């Protein structure tokens, strides 16, 4: 395994994880907002 490909894979993993956490935060905030409205 070359270091370059490993570095790209690591960056890709970080992007996926951060996108997942952002989506989870948005969904959680959306449900809390709608619960307050209803």
Protein backbone atom coordinates (compact mmCIF):
# COMPACT_ATOMS: atom_id res chain seq x y z
CA UNK A 1 0.00 0.00 0.00
CA UNK A 2 1.40 3.38 -0.94
CA UNK A 3 1.24 6.22 1.59
CA UNK A 4 -0.52 8.49 -0.92
CA UNK A 5 -3.46 6.14 -1.40
CA UNK A 6 -3.68 5.58 2.35
CA UNK A 7 -3.76 9.32 2.94
CA UNK A 8 -6.54 9.80 0.39
CA UNK A 9 -8.51 6.94 1.96
CA UNK A 10 -8.11 8.49 5.43
CA UNK A 11 -9.35 11.87 4.16
CA UNK A 12 -12.29 10.12 2.50
CA UNK A 13 -13.16 8.35 5.74
CA UNK A 14 -13.05 11.64 7.66
CA UNK A 15 -15.31 13.29 5.08
CA UNK A 16 -17.82 10.44 5.32
CA UNK A 17 -17.81 10.50 9.12
CA UNK A 18 -18.18 14.28 9.31
CA UNK A 19 -21.00 14.20 6.74
CA UNK A 20 -22.76 11.50 8.78
CA UNK A 21 -22.46 13.51 12.00
CA UNK A 22 -23.67 16.69 10.27
CA UNK A 23 -26.67 14.84 8.82
CA UNK A 24 -27.46 13.30 12.21
CA UNK A 25 -27.26 16.71 13.88
CA UNK A 26 -29.53 18.28 11.25
CA UNK A 27 -32.08 15.45 11.56
CA UNK A 28 -32.04 15.65 15.35
CA UNK A 29 -32.44 19.42 15.27
CA UNK A 30 -35.25 19.15 12.72
CA UNK A 31 -37.20 16.68 14.85
CA UNK A 32 -36.76 18.82 17.95
CA UNK A 33 -37.94 21.87 15.98
CA UNK A 34 -41.03 20.10 14.63
CA UNK A 35 -41.85 18.66 18.06
CA UNK A 36 -41.82 22.17 19.46
CA UNK A 37 -44.09 23.40 16.67
CA UNK A 38 -46.68 20.61 17.00
